[in-house]
Amino acid sequence: MRREAVLGALTAINLVLLAGMGLTQILPAKAQDSPGILRGSGLQIVDSQGRVRSSISVLPAKAGEAETVLFRLIAENGQPSVKISATTASA
């Protein structure tokens, strides 16, 4: 008798949980309406072998030099093919 009561209670609980899941609306994931902002002091883009192919870096100011933002596009051999820098002195 006791086992039948426990099994009946578990069945009732399962039915309540199943009904509750059926009544809730499951919404699909979607992108935000306005994209967020990504912040950092640098960014690297790597290829399928893990080699850095592009980078944006913020280099701190040194004695006699201003803070510099450096953008590099790097060839397959690891050598920079495009290098652009910007500072307050060169802007």
C-alpha atoms as a PDB file:
ATOM      1  CA  MET A   1       0.000   0.000   0.000  1.00  0.00           C
ATOM      2  CA  ARG A   2       2.782   2.420   0.914  1.00  0.00           C
ATOM      3  CA  ARG A   3       4.689   1.794  -2.334  1.00  0.00           C
ATOM      4  CA  GLU A   4       1.551   2.430  -4.408  1.00  0.00           C
ATOM      5  CA  ALA A   5       1.034   5.775  -2.667  1.00  0.00           C
ATOM      6  CA  VAL A   6       4.620   6.850  -3.356  1.00  0.00           C
ATOM      7  CA  LEU A   7       4.375   5.798  -7.007  1.00  0.00           C
ATOM      8  CA  GLY A   8       1.059   7.640  -7.345  1.00  0.00           C
ATOM      9  CA  ALA A   9       2.559  10.792  -5.808  1.00  0.00           C
ATOM     10  CA  LEU A  10       5.591  10.643  -8.114  1.00  0.00           C
ATOM     11  CA  THR A  11       3.318  10.169 -11.122  1.00  0.00           C
ATOM     12  CA  ALA A  12       1.231  13.173 -10.086  1.00  0.00           C
ATOM     13  CA  ILE A  13       4.357  15.309  -9.624  1.00  0.00           C
ATOM     14  CA  ASN A  14       5.648  14.264 -13.055  1.00  0.00           C
ATOM     15  CA  LEU A  15       2.302  15.156 -14.653  1.00  0.00           C
ATOM     16  CA  VAL A  16       2.311  18.590 -12.995  1.00  0.00           C
ATOM     17  CA  LEU A  17       5.886  19.240 -14.153  1.00  0.00           C
ATOM     18  CA  LEU A  18       5.072  18.065 -17.675  1.00  0.00           C
ATOM     19  CA  ALA A  19       1.980  20.282 -17.825  1.00  0.00           C
ATOM     20  CA  GLY A  20       3.994  23.248 -16.530  1.00  0.00           C
ATOM     21  CA  MET A  21       6.619  22.751 -19.221  1.00  0.00           C
ATOM     22  CA  GLY A  22       3.934  22.525 -21.877  1.00  0.00           C
ATOM     23  CA  LEU A  23       2.298  25.765 -20.755  1.00  0.00           C
ATOM     24  CA  THR A  24       5.487  27.818 -20.769  1.00  0.00           C
ATOM     25  CA  GLN A  25       6.435  29.438 -24.037  1.00  0.00           C
ATOM     26  CA  ILE A  26       9.933  28.588 -25.237  1.00  0.00           C
ATOM     27  CA  LEU A  27      11.321  31.539 -27.193  1.00  0.00           C
ATOM     28  CA  PRO A  28      14.013  31.067 -29.840  1.00  0.00           C
ATOM     29  CA  ALA A  29      17.349  32.781 -29.343  1.00  0.00           C
ATOM     30  CA  LYS A  30      17.803  35.950 -31.376  1.00  0.00           C
ATOM     31  CA  ALA A  31      20.370  38.702 -31.731  1.00  0.00           C
ATOM     32  CA  GLN A  32      20.001  41.969 -29.888  1.00  0.00           C
ATOM     33  CA  ASP A  33      18.371  44.819 -31.772  1.00  0.00           C
ATOM     34  CA  SER A  34      21.390  47.045 -31.269  1.00  0.00           C
ATOM     35  CA  PRO A  35      24.833  45.439 -31.125  1.00  0.00           C
ATOM     36  CA  GLY A  36      26.886  45.864 -27.983  1.00  0.00           C
ATOM     37  CA  ILE A  37      30.329  47.378 -27.738  1.00  0.00           C
ATOM     38  CA  LEU A  38      33.468  45.274 -27.540  1.00  0.00           C
ATOM     39  CA  ARG A  39      36.163  46.949 -25.462  1.00  0.00           C
ATOM     40  CA  GLY A  40      39.762  45.999 -24.944  1.00  0.00           C
ATOM     41  CA  SER A  41      43.339  47.138 -25.336  1.00  0.00           C
ATOM     42  CA  GLY A  42      44.026  44.888 -28.320  1.00  0.00           C
ATOM     43  CA  LEU A  43      42.532  42.513 -30.880  1.00  0.00           C
ATOM     44  CA  GLN A  44      44.091  39.625 -32.780  1.00  0.00           C
ATOM     45  CA  ILE A  45      42.613  37.677 -35.689  1.00  0.00           C
ATOM     46  CA  VAL A  46      44.160  34.240 -36.216  1.00  0.00           C
ATOM     47  CA  ASP A  47      43.980  31.761 -39.100  1.00  0.00           C
ATOM     48  CA  SER A  48      43.074  28.063 -38.866  1.00  0.00           C
ATOM     49  CA  GLN A  49      46.636  27.185 -37.771  1.00  0.00           C
ATOM     50  CA  GLY A  50      46.515  29.678 -34.900  1.00  0.00           C
ATOM     51  CA  ARG A  51      48.906  32.199 -36.491  1.00  0.00           C
ATOM     52  CA  VAL A  52      48.133  35.879 -35.949  1.00  0.00           C
ATOM     53  CA  ARG A  53      47.101  37.403 -39.294  1.00  0.00           C
ATOM     54  CA  SER A  54      45.810  40.790 -38.145  1.00  0.00           C
ATOM     55  CA  SER A  55      46.209  42.790 -34.965  1.00  0.00           C
ATOM     56  CA  ILE A  56      45.174  46.083 -33.452  1.00  0.00           C
ATOM     57  CA  SER A  57      47.199  47.138 -30.414  1.00  0.00           C
ATOM     58  CA  VAL A  58      47.258  50.130 -28.107  1.00  0.00           C
ATOM     59  CA  LEU A  59      50.857  50.737 -27.092  1.00  0.00           C
ATOM     60  CA  PRO A  60      51.373  52.791 -23.919  1.00  0.00           C
ATOM     61  CA  ALA A  61      53.213  56.094 -23.983  1.00  0.00           C
ATOM     62  CA  LYS A  62      56.970  56.001 -23.457  1.00  0.00           C
ATOM     63  CA  ALA A  63      59.430  58.734 -22.547  1.00  0.00           C
ATOM     64  CA  GLY A  64      59.291  61.251 -25.386  1.00  0.00           C
ATOM     65  CA  GLU A  65      56.604  59.319 -27.302  1.00  0.00           C
ATOM     66  CA  ALA A  66      52.830  59.498 -27.192  1.00  0.00           C
ATOM     67  CA  GLU A  67      50.442  56.564 -26.839  1.00  0.00           C
ATOM     68  CA  THR A  68      50.205  54.727 -30.175  1.00  0.00           C
ATOM     69  CA  VAL A  69      47.494  52.682 -31.862  1.00  0.00           C
ATOM     70  CA  LEU A  70      49.031  50.108 -34.212  1.00  0.00           C
ATOM     71  CA  PHE A  71      47.182  48.141 -36.928  1.00  0.00           C
ATOM     72  CA  ARG A  72      48.994  45.268 -38.672  1.00  0.00           C
ATOM     73  CA  LEU A  73      47.997  42.921 -41.499  1.00  0.00           C
ATOM     74  CA  ILE A  74      50.370  39.972 -41.445  1.00  0.00           C
ATOM     75  CA  ALA A  75      51.290  37.721 -44.392  1.00  0.00           C
ATOM     76  CA  GLU A  76      51.505  33.913 -44.242  1.00  0.00           C
ATOM     77  CA  ASN A  77      55.244  34.056 -43.554  1.00  0.00           C
ATOM     78  CA  GLY A  78      54.660  36.101 -40.382  1.00  0.00           C
ATOM     79  CA  GLN A  79      55.936  39.400 -41.792  1.00  0.00           C
ATOM     80  CA  PRO A  80      53.697  42.490 -41.573  1.00  0.00           C
ATOM     81  CA  SER A  81      52.480  43.446 -45.052  1.00  0.00           C
ATOM     82  CA  VAL A  82      50.539  46.515 -43.878  1.00  0.00           C
ATOM     83  CA  LYS A  83      51.429  48.512 -40.784  1.00  0.00           C
ATOM     84  CA  ILE A  84      49.520  51.654 -39.839  1.00  0.00           C
ATOM     85  CA  SER A  85      50.098  53.608 -36.645  1.00  0.00           C
ATOM     86  CA  ALA A  86      48.351  56.607 -35.168  1.00  0.00           C
ATOM     87  CA  THR A  87      49.401  58.923 -32.354  1.00  0.00           C
ATOM     88  CA  THR A  88      48.339  62.364 -31.240  1.00  0.00           C
ATOM     89  CA  ALA A  89      51.542  63.703 -32.784  1.00  0.00           C
ATOM     90  CA  SER A  90      50.790  62.149 -36.202  1.00  0.00           C
ATOM     91  CA  ALA A  91      47.033  62.728 -36.208  1.00  0.00           C
END
